[in-house]
């Protein structure tokens, strides 16, 4: 085999390897986050994303519930509060994608630092939390996570959170909480648009 022929074969081998990597990445992206089955013990949520069936977020005197339907697509169950009337169950494909991405990110929230509770946690905002989060497995009524979301850390990059029943708070990246709030906002906007308001 000539030197030129070896180079051509090497180039084709590299090209084939790159094509295989690109194909696998595209296939993984198309499958979406629902195929993620592994779970890291450093994550805040005690179950993998694929097991997550519903998340309730209590924020600003309202409760927002996000659920998966039988096909695994996320939908906004609705906001329930003192000033809300009938709630709605919406299966908006664009909103389902937004919710799915936010939930996939939330399911991989990493615990950063353990923080001993002083003054029963009042200094971290977890005694009177700004937000409560309950996460459920699919078709299970008992939550696997009850989380009080407290104050932003002094540097602004993290939040204090307290899994209910825990003896220590932990910090998590603040952008995870920001993403959940953006998801609530997107669901509200989609609901107002669907209602013609």
N, C-alpha and C. Protein backbone atom coordinates (compact mmCIF):
# COMPACT_ATOMS: atom_id res chain seq x y z
N UNK A 1 0.86 -1.18 0.00
CA UNK A 1 0.00 0.00 0.00
C UNK A 1 0.90 1.24 0.00
N UNK A 2 0.58 2.18 -0.85
CA UNK A 2 1.41 3.38 -0.97
C UNK A 2 1.10 4.35 0.16
N UNK A 3 2.04 5.26 0.30
CA UNK A 3 1.89 6.27 1.35
C UNK A 3 0.65 7.14 1.12
N UNK A 4 0.40 7.51 -0.12
CA UNK A 4 -0.78 8.31 -0.46
C UNK A 4 -2.07 7.58 -0.14
N UNK A 5 -2.10 6.27 -0.42
CA UNK A 5 -3.28 5.47 -0.13
C UNK A 5 -3.53 5.38 1.39
N UNK A 6 -2.46 5.27 2.18
CA UNK A 6 -2.59 5.22 3.64
C UNK A 6 -3.18 6.52 4.17
N UNK A 7 -2.75 7.64 3.61
CA UNK A 7 -3.29 8.94 4.03
C UNK A 7 -4.78 9.04 3.72
N UNK A 8 -5.15 8.60 2.55
CA UNK A 8 -6.57 8.64 2.17
C UNK A 8 -7.40 7.78 3.11
N UNK A 9 -6.91 6.57 3.42
CA UNK A 9 -7.63 5.69 4.36
C UNK A 9 -7.71 6.30 5.75
N UNK A 10 -6.63 6.93 6.20
CA UNK A 10 -6.64 7.59 7.51
C UNK A 10 -7.65 8.73 7.55
N UNK A 11 -7.68 9.52 6.49
CA UNK A 11 -8.64 10.63 6.42
C UNK A 11 -10.07 10.09 6.44
N UNK A 12 -10.34 9.03 5.69
CA UNK A 12 -11.68 8.45 5.70
C UNK A 12 -12.03 7.86 7.06
N UNK A 13 -11.07 7.26 7.75
CA UNK A 13 -11.33 6.70 9.08
C UNK A 13 -11.68 7.81 10.07
N UNK A 14 -10.93 8.93 10.01
CA UNK A 14 -11.22 10.07 10.89
C UNK A 14 -12.60 10.64 10.56
N UNK A 15 -12.89 10.77 9.27
CA UNK A 15 -14.19 11.28 8.85
C UNK A 15 -15.32 10.38 9.36
N UNK A 16 -15.16 9.06 9.25
CA UNK A 16 -16.18 8.12 9.71
C UNK A 16 -16.38 8.22 11.22
N UNK A 17 -15.27 8.38 11.97
CA UNK A 17 -15.37 8.52 13.43
C UNK A 17 -16.11 9.79 13.81
N UNK A 18 -15.80 10.90 13.13
CA UNK A 18 -16.50 12.16 13.40
C UNK A 18 -17.98 12.05 13.06
N UNK A 19 -18.28 11.42 11.95
CA UNK A 19 -19.68 11.25 11.56
C UNK A 19 -20.44 10.43 12.60
N UNK A 20 -19.81 9.40 13.14
CA UNK A 20 -20.44 8.57 14.18
C UNK A 20 -20.71 9.38 15.44
N UNK A 21 -19.73 10.20 15.85
CA UNK A 21 -19.91 11.04 17.05
C UNK A 21 -21.04 12.04 16.83
N UNK A 22 -21.07 12.68 15.68
CA UNK A 22 -22.13 13.65 15.38
C UNK A 22 -23.49 12.96 15.37
N UNK A 23 -23.57 11.79 14.75
CA UNK A 23 -24.83 11.04 14.70
C UNK A 23 -25.32 10.71 16.11
N UNK A 24 -24.43 10.25 16.97
CA UNK A 24 -24.83 9.88 18.34
C UNK A 24 -25.28 11.11 19.12
N UNK A 25 -24.59 12.24 18.93
CA UNK A 25 -25.01 13.46 19.64
C UNK A 25 -26.37 13.95 19.17
N UNK A 26 -26.59 13.92 17.85
CA UNK A 26 -27.89 14.36 17.31
C UNK A 26 -28.99 13.44 17.81
N UNK A 27 -28.74 12.15 17.82
CA UNK A 27 -29.75 11.19 18.29
C UNK A 27 -30.06 11.40 19.78
N UNK A 28 -29.02 11.68 20.58
CA UNK A 28 -29.23 11.93 22.01
C UNK A 28 -30.03 13.20 22.23
N UNK A 29 -29.73 14.28 21.47
CA UNK A 29 -30.49 15.52 21.59
C UNK A 29 -31.93 15.32 21.18
N UNK A 30 -32.16 14.56 20.10
CA UNK A 30 -33.52 14.32 19.62
C UNK A 30 -34.33 13.52 20.62
N UNK A 31 -33.67 12.60 21.32
CA UNK A 31 -34.36 11.79 22.33
C UNK A 31 -34.79 12.65 23.50
N UNK A 32 -34.08 13.74 23.76
CA UNK A 32 -34.44 14.65 24.82
C UNK A 32 -33.98 14.16 26.17
N UNK A 33 -34.20 14.97 27.21
CA UNK A 33 -33.72 14.66 28.54
C UNK A 33 -34.43 13.49 29.19
N UNK A 34 -35.57 13.03 28.64
CA UNK A 34 -36.32 11.97 29.28
C UNK A 34 -35.57 10.64 29.28
N UNK A 35 -34.56 10.49 28.42
CA UNK A 35 -33.83 9.24 28.37
C UNK A 35 -32.74 9.18 29.45
N UNK A 36 -32.51 10.28 30.15
CA UNK A 36 -31.48 10.30 31.18
C UNK A 36 -31.92 9.43 32.34
N UNK A 37 -31.19 8.35 32.58
CA UNK A 37 -31.59 7.42 33.62
C UNK A 37 -30.66 7.45 34.82
N UNK A 38 -29.44 7.95 34.63
CA UNK A 38 -28.50 7.90 35.74
C UNK A 38 -28.81 8.98 36.77
N UNK A 39 -28.35 8.78 37.97
CA UNK A 39 -28.58 9.73 39.04
C UNK A 39 -27.31 9.90 39.83
N UNK A 40 -26.93 11.13 40.09
CA UNK A 40 -25.73 11.44 40.85
C UNK A 40 -26.13 11.77 42.28
N UNK A 41 -25.49 11.17 43.28
CA UNK A 41 -25.86 11.45 44.67
C UNK A 41 -25.61 12.89 45.10
N UNK A 42 -24.83 13.66 44.34
CA UNK A 42 -24.60 15.07 44.67
C UNK A 42 -25.79 15.94 44.28
N UNK A 43 -26.71 15.38 43.50
CA UNK A 43 -27.85 16.15 43.06
C UNK A 43 -28.85 16.33 44.20
N UNK A 44 -29.53 17.44 44.18
CA UNK A 44 -30.51 17.77 45.20
C UNK A 44 -31.72 16.85 45.16
N UNK A 45 -32.20 16.57 43.96
CA UNK A 45 -33.37 15.71 43.78
C UNK A 45 -32.95 14.24 43.98
N UNK A 46 -33.64 13.50 44.84
CA UNK A 46 -33.21 12.14 45.14
C UNK A 46 -33.57 11.10 44.08
N UNK A 47 -34.18 11.52 42.98
CA UNK A 47 -34.53 10.60 41.89
C UNK A 47 -34.02 11.16 40.58
N UNK A 48 -33.90 10.30 39.58
CA UNK A 48 -33.47 10.72 38.26
C UNK A 48 -34.60 11.43 37.52
N UNK A 49 -34.24 12.22 36.53
CA UNK A 49 -35.22 12.97 35.75
C UNK A 49 -36.31 12.07 35.17
N UNK A 50 -35.95 10.91 34.69
CA UNK A 50 -36.92 10.00 34.08
C UNK A 50 -38.01 9.54 35.03
N UNK A 51 -37.75 9.59 36.33
CA UNK A 51 -38.74 9.18 37.34
C UNK A 51 -39.64 10.32 37.79
N UNK A 52 -39.26 11.55 37.44
CA UNK A 52 -39.98 12.73 37.90
C UNK A 52 -41.32 12.84 37.19
N UNK A 53 -42.40 12.94 37.98
CA UNK A 53 -43.74 13.00 37.40
C UNK A 53 -44.45 14.32 37.57
N UNK A 54 -44.13 15.05 38.63
CA UNK A 54 -44.79 16.34 38.88
C UNK A 54 -43.93 17.17 39.82
N UNK A 55 -44.05 18.48 39.68
CA UNK A 55 -43.38 19.42 40.58
C UNK A 55 -44.38 20.52 40.91
N UNK A 56 -44.52 20.80 42.19
CA UNK A 56 -45.35 21.90 42.64
C UNK A 56 -44.45 22.97 43.22
N UNK A 57 -44.71 24.21 42.83
CA UNK A 57 -43.91 25.34 43.31
C UNK A 57 -44.86 26.35 43.92
N UNK A 58 -44.69 26.59 45.21
CA UNK A 58 -45.49 27.60 45.88
C UNK A 58 -44.67 28.88 45.94
N UNK A 59 -45.21 29.92 45.30
CA UNK A 59 -44.47 31.18 45.19
C UNK A 59 -45.47 32.32 45.08
N UNK A 60 -45.25 33.38 45.83
CA UNK A 60 -46.11 34.56 45.81
C UNK A 60 -47.58 34.21 46.02
N UNK A 61 -47.87 33.49 47.06
CA UNK A 61 -49.24 33.14 47.45
C UNK A 61 -49.98 32.30 46.42
N UNK A 62 -49.27 31.67 45.51
CA UNK A 62 -49.90 30.80 44.53
C UNK A 62 -49.15 29.49 44.42
N UNK A 63 -49.86 28.46 44.01
CA UNK A 63 -49.23 27.17 43.82
C UNK A 63 -49.31 26.83 42.34
N UNK A 64 -48.15 26.53 41.76
CA UNK A 64 -48.03 26.21 40.34
C UNK A 64 -47.65 24.74 40.23
N UNK A 65 -48.44 23.97 39.51
CA UNK A 65 -48.17 22.53 39.37
C UNK A 65 -47.84 22.21 37.92
N UNK A 66 -46.74 21.51 37.75
CA UNK A 66 -46.28 21.06 36.44
C UNK A 66 -46.26 19.54 36.48
N UNK A 67 -46.90 18.91 35.48
CA UNK A 67 -47.03 17.45 35.46
C UNK A 67 -46.62 16.89 34.11
N UNK A 68 -46.37 15.58 34.13
CA UNK A 68 -46.15 14.84 32.89
C UNK A 68 -47.41 14.08 32.55
N UNK A 69 -47.75 14.06 31.27
CA UNK A 69 -48.90 13.26 30.85
C UNK A 69 -48.46 11.82 30.63
N UNK A 70 -49.38 10.97 30.21
CA UNK A 70 -49.08 9.54 30.02
C UNK A 70 -47.99 9.32 28.98
N UNK A 71 -47.84 10.26 28.04
CA UNK A 71 -46.81 10.14 27.01
C UNK A 71 -45.47 10.74 27.42
N UNK A 72 -45.39 11.27 28.64
CA UNK A 72 -44.13 11.84 29.13
C UNK A 72 -43.94 13.31 28.84
N UNK A 73 -44.94 13.96 28.21
CA UNK A 73 -44.83 15.39 27.90
C UNK A 73 -45.27 16.21 29.11
N UNK A 74 -44.54 17.29 29.34
CA UNK A 74 -44.87 18.16 30.47
C UNK A 74 -45.99 19.12 30.09
N UNK A 75 -46.82 19.44 31.08
CA UNK A 75 -47.84 20.48 30.89
C UNK A 75 -48.01 21.23 32.20
N UNK A 76 -48.57 22.41 32.05
CA UNK A 76 -48.83 23.28 33.20
C UNK A 76 -50.22 22.97 33.71
N UNK A 77 -50.29 22.42 34.90
CA UNK A 77 -51.57 22.07 35.51
C UNK A 77 -52.34 23.32 35.87
N UNK A 78 -51.62 24.36 36.30
CA UNK A 78 -52.28 25.62 36.59
C UNK A 78 -51.78 26.26 37.86
N UNK A 79 -52.20 27.50 38.05
CA UNK A 79 -51.88 28.25 39.25
C UNK A 79 -53.11 28.23 40.15
N UNK A 80 -52.87 27.96 41.41
CA UNK A 80 -53.96 27.93 42.38
C UNK A 80 -53.62 28.94 43.47
N UNK A 81 -54.50 29.85 43.73
CA UNK A 81 -54.26 30.84 44.77
C UNK A 81 -55.55 31.50 45.15
N UNK A 82 -55.44 32.41 46.08
CA UNK A 82 -56.63 33.08 46.56
C UNK A 82 -57.30 33.89 45.46
N UNK A 83 -56.49 34.43 44.53
CA UNK A 83 -57.06 35.29 43.50
C UNK A 83 -57.28 34.58 42.16
N UNK A 84 -57.14 33.25 42.13
CA UNK A 84 -57.35 32.53 40.86
C UNK A 84 -58.69 31.84 40.86
N UNK A 85 -59.27 31.77 39.71
CA UNK A 85 -60.54 31.07 39.57
C UNK A 85 -60.29 29.64 39.16
N UNK A 86 -60.97 29.23 38.10
CA UNK A 86 -60.79 27.88 37.56
C UNK A 86 -59.37 27.70 37.07
N UNK A 87 -58.77 26.57 37.38
CA UNK A 87 -57.45 26.30 36.83
C UNK A 87 -57.59 25.51 35.54
N UNK A 88 -56.50 25.53 34.76
CA UNK A 88 -56.55 24.89 33.46
C UNK A 88 -55.45 23.86 33.32
N UNK A 89 -55.70 22.88 32.46
CA UNK A 89 -54.69 21.90 32.10
C UNK A 89 -54.37 22.15 30.64
N UNK A 90 -53.17 22.64 30.37
CA UNK A 90 -52.79 22.99 29.01
C UNK A 90 -51.74 22.03 28.49
N UNK A 91 -51.89 21.59 27.25
CA UNK A 91 -50.90 20.76 26.60
C UNK A 91 -50.35 21.53 25.40
N UNK A 92 -49.61 22.58 25.68
CA UNK A 92 -49.02 23.43 24.66
C UNK A 92 -47.64 22.87 24.32
N UNK A 93 -47.40 22.47 23.04
CA UNK A 93 -46.12 21.85 22.69
C UNK A 93 -44.90 22.73 22.98
N UNK A 94 -45.00 24.03 22.69
CA UNK A 94 -43.87 24.93 22.96
C UNK A 94 -43.62 25.03 24.46
N UNK A 95 -44.69 25.14 25.22
CA UNK A 95 -44.56 25.22 26.67
C UNK A 95 -44.04 23.90 27.24
N UNK A 96 -44.48 22.79 26.66
CA UNK A 96 -43.99 21.47 27.12
C UNK A 96 -42.48 21.39 26.98
N UNK A 97 -41.93 21.93 25.90
CA UNK A 97 -40.48 21.93 25.70
C UNK A 97 -39.80 22.81 26.74
N UNK A 98 -40.36 23.99 26.99
CA UNK A 98 -39.80 24.90 27.99
C UNK A 98 -39.80 24.25 29.37
N UNK A 99 -40.94 23.65 29.74
CA UNK A 99 -41.04 22.99 31.04
C UNK A 99 -40.06 21.82 31.12
N UNK A 100 -40.01 21.01 30.06
CA UNK A 100 -39.11 19.87 30.05
C UNK A 100 -37.67 20.25 30.26
N UNK A 101 -37.22 21.31 29.59
CA UNK A 101 -35.83 21.77 29.75
C UNK A 101 -35.58 22.27 31.17
N UNK A 102 -36.52 23.05 31.71
CA UNK A 102 -36.35 23.57 33.07
C UNK A 102 -36.33 22.44 34.09
N UNK A 103 -37.21 21.44 33.90
CA UNK A 103 -37.25 20.32 34.84
C UNK A 103 -35.99 19.45 34.73
N UNK A 104 -35.50 19.28 33.51
CA UNK A 104 -34.26 18.51 33.34
C UNK A 104 -33.11 19.20 34.05
N UNK A 105 -33.04 20.53 33.93
CA UNK A 105 -31.99 21.28 34.63
C UNK A 105 -32.18 21.18 36.14
N UNK A 106 -33.42 21.36 36.60
CA UNK A 106 -33.69 21.28 38.03
C UNK A 106 -33.33 19.90 38.59
N UNK A 107 -33.59 18.86 37.82
CA UNK A 107 -33.30 17.50 38.31
C UNK A 107 -31.81 17.27 38.50
N UNK A 108 -30.98 18.11 37.88
CA UNK A 108 -29.53 17.97 38.03
C UNK A 108 -28.93 19.08 38.90
N UNK A 109 -29.75 19.73 39.70
CA UNK A 109 -29.25 20.75 40.62
C UNK A 109 -28.29 20.09 41.61
N UNK A 110 -27.09 20.63 41.71
CA UNK A 110 -26.11 20.06 42.61
C UNK A 110 -26.07 20.81 43.93
N UNK A 111 -25.95 20.03 45.00
CA UNK A 111 -25.73 20.62 46.31
C UNK A 111 -24.29 21.11 46.34
N UNK A 112 -24.11 22.38 46.71
CA UNK A 112 -22.76 22.95 46.69
C UNK A 112 -22.09 22.88 48.06
N UNK A 113 -22.73 23.44 49.07
CA UNK A 113 -22.11 23.56 50.38
C UNK A 113 -23.14 23.30 51.46
N UNK A 114 -22.78 22.52 52.45
CA UNK A 114 -23.66 22.32 53.61
C UNK A 114 -23.48 23.49 54.57
N UNK A 115 -24.59 23.94 55.14
CA UNK A 115 -24.56 25.10 56.02
C UNK A 115 -25.30 24.75 57.31
N UNK A 116 -24.58 24.73 58.45
CA UNK A 116 -25.26 24.45 59.72
C UNK A 116 -26.30 25.52 60.02
N UNK A 117 -27.43 25.11 60.57
CA UNK A 117 -28.50 26.06 60.89
C UNK A 117 -28.20 26.75 62.21
N UNK A 118 -28.09 28.05 62.16
CA UNK A 118 -27.95 28.88 63.36
C UNK A 118 -29.25 29.66 63.46
N UNK A 119 -29.65 30.00 64.66
CA UNK A 119 -30.92 30.72 64.86
C UNK A 119 -32.06 30.00 64.14
N UNK A 120 -32.03 28.68 64.14
CA UNK A 120 -33.06 27.84 63.51
C UNK A 120 -33.21 28.09 62.02
N UNK A 121 -32.21 28.70 61.40
CA UNK A 121 -32.25 28.92 59.95
C UNK A 121 -32.79 30.25 59.51
N UNK A 122 -33.16 31.11 60.46
CA UNK A 122 -33.75 32.40 60.07
C UNK A 122 -32.80 33.26 59.26
N UNK A 123 -31.50 33.16 59.55
CA UNK A 123 -30.53 34.00 58.84
C UNK A 123 -30.39 33.61 57.37
N UNK A 124 -30.88 32.42 56.99
CA UNK A 124 -30.78 31.97 55.61
C UNK A 124 -32.11 32.07 54.86
N UNK A 125 -33.15 32.51 55.54
CA UNK A 125 -34.44 32.68 54.88
C UNK A 125 -35.22 31.38 54.67
N UNK A 126 -34.78 30.29 55.29
CA UNK A 126 -35.46 29.02 55.07
C UNK A 126 -36.59 28.77 56.07
N UNK A 127 -36.68 29.61 57.12
CA UNK A 127 -37.78 29.47 58.08
C UNK A 127 -39.06 30.07 57.49
N UNK A 128 -38.94 31.22 56.85
CA UNK A 128 -40.05 31.86 56.14
C UNK A 128 -39.62 31.94 54.67
N UNK A 129 -39.67 30.82 53.97
CA UNK A 129 -39.09 30.78 52.62
C UNK A 129 -39.87 31.58 51.59
N UNK A 130 -39.13 32.03 50.59
CA UNK A 130 -39.73 32.73 49.46
C UNK A 130 -40.47 31.75 48.56
N UNK A 131 -40.08 30.49 48.62
CA UNK A 131 -40.62 29.50 47.72
C UNK A 131 -40.54 28.13 48.38
N UNK A 132 -41.55 27.30 48.12
CA UNK A 132 -41.53 25.89 48.51
C UNK A 132 -41.65 25.06 47.24
N UNK A 133 -40.87 23.99 47.19
CA UNK A 133 -40.90 23.10 46.03
C UNK A 133 -41.18 21.68 46.51
N UNK A 134 -42.16 21.04 45.88
CA UNK A 134 -42.45 19.63 46.14
C UNK A 134 -42.28 18.87 44.83
N UNK A 135 -41.52 17.79 44.87
CA UNK A 135 -41.29 16.98 43.67
C UNK A 135 -41.85 15.58 43.91
N UNK A 136 -42.47 15.02 42.88
CA UNK A 136 -43.14 13.72 42.97
C UNK A 136 -42.65 12.76 41.90
N UNK A 137 -42.61 11.49 42.25
CA UNK A 137 -42.42 10.44 41.25
C UNK A 137 -43.71 10.34 40.44
N UNK A 138 -43.63 9.73 39.26
CA UNK A 138 -44.83 9.53 38.46
C UNK A 138 -45.81 8.62 39.19
N UNK A 139 -47.07 9.02 39.20
CA UNK A 139 -48.18 8.25 39.79
C UNK A 139 -48.02 7.99 41.28
N UNK A 140 -47.30 8.86 41.99
CA UNK A 140 -47.13 8.72 43.44
C UNK A 140 -47.58 10.03 44.08
N UNK A 141 -48.37 9.93 45.16
CA UNK A 141 -48.91 11.14 45.77
C UNK A 141 -48.02 11.71 46.86
N UNK A 142 -47.09 10.93 47.39
CA UNK A 142 -46.19 11.41 48.44
C UNK A 142 -44.95 12.02 47.79
N UNK A 143 -44.60 13.28 48.11
CA UNK A 143 -43.43 13.89 47.46
C UNK A 143 -42.12 13.21 47.88
N UNK A 144 -41.18 13.17 46.94
CA UNK A 144 -39.84 12.64 47.24
C UNK A 144 -38.92 13.75 47.72
N UNK A 145 -39.35 15.00 47.51
CA UNK A 145 -38.55 16.15 47.96
C UNK A 145 -39.50 17.26 48.37
N UNK A 146 -39.25 17.79 49.57
CA UNK A 146 -39.93 18.99 50.05
C UNK A 146 -38.82 19.97 50.35
N UNK A 147 -38.83 21.10 49.68
CA UNK A 147 -37.69 22.00 49.73
C UNK A 147 -38.13 23.43 50.03
N UNK A 148 -37.57 24.01 51.08
CA UNK A 148 -37.77 25.43 51.39
C UNK A 148 -36.64 26.20 50.73
N UNK A 149 -36.99 27.16 49.89
CA UNK A 149 -35.99 27.96 49.18
C UNK A 149 -35.88 29.30 49.89
N UNK A 150 -34.70 29.59 50.39
CA UNK A 150 -34.48 30.79 51.17
C UNK A 150 -33.81 31.91 50.41
N UNK A 151 -32.93 32.61 51.11
CA UNK A 151 -32.29 33.81 50.59
C UNK A 151 -31.16 33.50 49.62
N UNK A 152 -30.81 34.52 48.85
CA UNK A 152 -29.63 34.46 47.99
C UNK A 152 -28.41 34.66 48.89
N UNK A 153 -27.33 33.95 48.59
CA UNK A 153 -26.10 34.10 49.37
C UNK A 153 -25.52 35.50 49.16
N UNK A 154 -24.65 35.96 50.07
CA UNK A 154 -24.10 37.31 49.93
C UNK A 154 -23.40 37.59 48.60
N UNK A 155 -22.80 36.56 48.00
CA UNK A 155 -22.12 36.79 46.72
C UNK A 155 -23.08 36.82 45.53
N UNK A 156 -24.35 36.43 45.75
CA UNK A 156 -25.37 36.49 44.71
C UNK A 156 -25.39 35.29 43.76
N UNK A 157 -24.50 34.34 43.94
CA UNK A 157 -24.40 33.22 43.01
C UNK A 157 -25.16 31.98 43.46
N UNK A 158 -25.57 31.91 44.69
CA UNK A 158 -26.21 30.70 45.21
C UNK A 158 -27.42 31.06 46.05
N UNK A 159 -28.19 30.04 46.38
CA UNK A 159 -29.35 30.17 47.25
C UNK A 159 -29.21 29.19 48.39
N UNK A 160 -29.73 29.58 49.54
CA UNK A 160 -29.84 28.64 50.66
C UNK A 160 -31.15 27.88 50.48
N UNK A 161 -31.09 26.57 50.58
CA UNK A 161 -32.29 25.75 50.53
C UNK A 161 -32.22 24.75 51.68
N UNK A 162 -33.39 24.35 52.13
CA UNK A 162 -33.48 23.39 53.22
C UNK A 162 -34.43 22.28 52.84
N UNK A 163 -33.91 21.08 52.58
CA UNK A 163 -34.82 19.95 52.41
C UNK A 163 -35.54 19.74 53.75
N UNK A 164 -36.87 19.76 53.74
CA UNK A 164 -37.62 19.70 54.99
C UNK A 164 -37.28 18.42 55.73
N UNK A 165 -36.98 18.58 57.01
CA UNK A 165 -36.57 17.47 57.85
C UNK A 165 -35.06 17.36 57.99
N UNK A 166 -34.31 18.09 57.16
CA UNK A 166 -32.85 18.04 57.23
C UNK A 166 -32.36 18.91 58.39
N UNK A 167 -31.17 18.59 58.87
CA UNK A 167 -30.58 19.35 59.97
C UNK A 167 -29.65 20.46 59.48
N UNK A 168 -29.34 20.42 58.17
CA UNK A 168 -28.48 21.43 57.60
C UNK A 168 -29.10 21.95 56.30
N UNK A 169 -28.90 23.24 56.08
CA UNK A 169 -29.27 23.80 54.78
C UNK A 169 -28.13 23.51 53.81
N UNK A 170 -28.40 23.67 52.55
CA UNK A 170 -27.34 23.56 51.54
C UNK A 170 -27.48 24.75 50.60
N UNK A 171 -26.40 25.04 49.90
CA UNK A 171 -26.49 26.06 48.87
C UNK A 171 -26.58 25.35 47.52
N UNK A 172 -27.33 25.98 46.63
CA UNK A 172 -27.46 25.50 45.25
C UNK A 172 -27.26 26.71 44.34
N UNK A 173 -26.90 26.49 43.07
CA UNK A 173 -26.74 27.64 42.17
C UNK A 173 -28.04 28.44 42.06
N UNK A 174 -27.93 29.75 42.18
CA UNK A 174 -29.11 30.61 42.12
C UNK A 174 -29.81 30.53 40.77
N UNK A 175 -29.06 30.26 39.69
CA UNK A 175 -29.69 30.20 38.37
C UNK A 175 -30.72 29.08 38.29
N UNK A 176 -30.60 28.06 39.13
CA UNK A 176 -31.60 26.99 39.12
C UNK A 176 -32.96 27.53 39.58
N UNK A 177 -32.95 28.37 40.59
CA UNK A 177 -34.19 28.98 41.08
C UNK A 177 -34.71 29.97 40.05
N UNK A 178 -33.82 30.74 39.46
CA UNK A 178 -34.20 31.69 38.41
C UNK A 178 -34.86 30.98 37.24
N UNK A 179 -34.34 29.80 36.86
CA UNK A 179 -34.94 29.04 35.77
C UNK A 179 -36.36 28.60 36.10
N UNK A 180 -36.59 28.18 37.34
CA UNK A 180 -37.94 27.77 37.74
C UNK A 180 -38.90 28.96 37.71
N UNK A 181 -38.43 30.12 38.16
CA UNK A 181 -39.27 31.31 38.12
C UNK A 181 -39.58 31.72 36.67
N UNK A 182 -38.59 31.57 35.79
CA UNK A 182 -38.82 31.88 34.36
C UNK A 182 -39.83 30.91 33.76
N UNK A 183 -39.79 29.64 34.20
CA UNK A 183 -40.75 28.65 33.72
C UNK A 183 -42.17 29.03 34.17
N UNK A 184 -42.32 29.46 35.42
CA UNK A 184 -43.62 29.89 35.92
C UNK A 184 -44.12 31.09 35.10
N UNK A 185 -43.22 32.03 34.83
CA UNK A 185 -43.58 33.20 34.05
C UNK A 185 -44.01 32.81 32.63
N UNK A 186 -43.26 31.88 32.01
CA UNK A 186 -43.61 31.43 30.65
C UNK A 186 -44.97 30.74 30.65
N UNK A 187 -45.25 29.95 31.68
CA UNK A 187 -46.54 29.27 31.76
C UNK A 187 -47.67 30.29 31.92
N UNK A 188 -47.43 31.31 32.74
CA UNK A 188 -48.44 32.36 32.91
C UNK A 188 -48.70 33.12 31.63
N UNK A 189 -47.63 33.43 30.89
CA UNK A 189 -47.79 34.16 29.62
C UNK A 189 -48.54 33.29 28.60
N UNK A 190 -48.20 32.02 28.56
CA UNK A 190 -48.89 31.11 27.63
C UNK A 190 -50.37 31.02 27.98
N UNK A 191 -50.68 31.00 29.28
CA UNK A 191 -52.07 30.94 29.72
C UNK A 191 -52.84 32.20 29.36
N UNK A 192 -52.17 33.35 29.52
CA UNK A 192 -52.85 34.62 29.17
C UNK A 192 -53.07 34.70 27.66
N UNK A 193 -52.09 34.22 26.88
CA UNK A 193 -52.24 34.24 25.42
C UNK A 193 -53.35 33.30 24.97
N UNK A 194 -53.43 32.13 25.60
CA UNK A 194 -54.48 31.16 25.25
C UNK A 194 -55.86 31.70 25.63
N UNK A 195 -55.90 32.49 26.70
CA UNK A 195 -57.17 33.05 27.15
C UNK A 195 -57.57 34.30 26.40
N UNK A 196 -56.67 34.75 25.49
CA UNK A 196 -56.99 35.95 24.70
C UNK A 196 -56.81 37.23 25.45
N UNK A 197 -56.04 37.20 26.56
CA UNK A 197 -55.85 38.42 27.34
C UNK A 197 -54.60 39.13 26.92
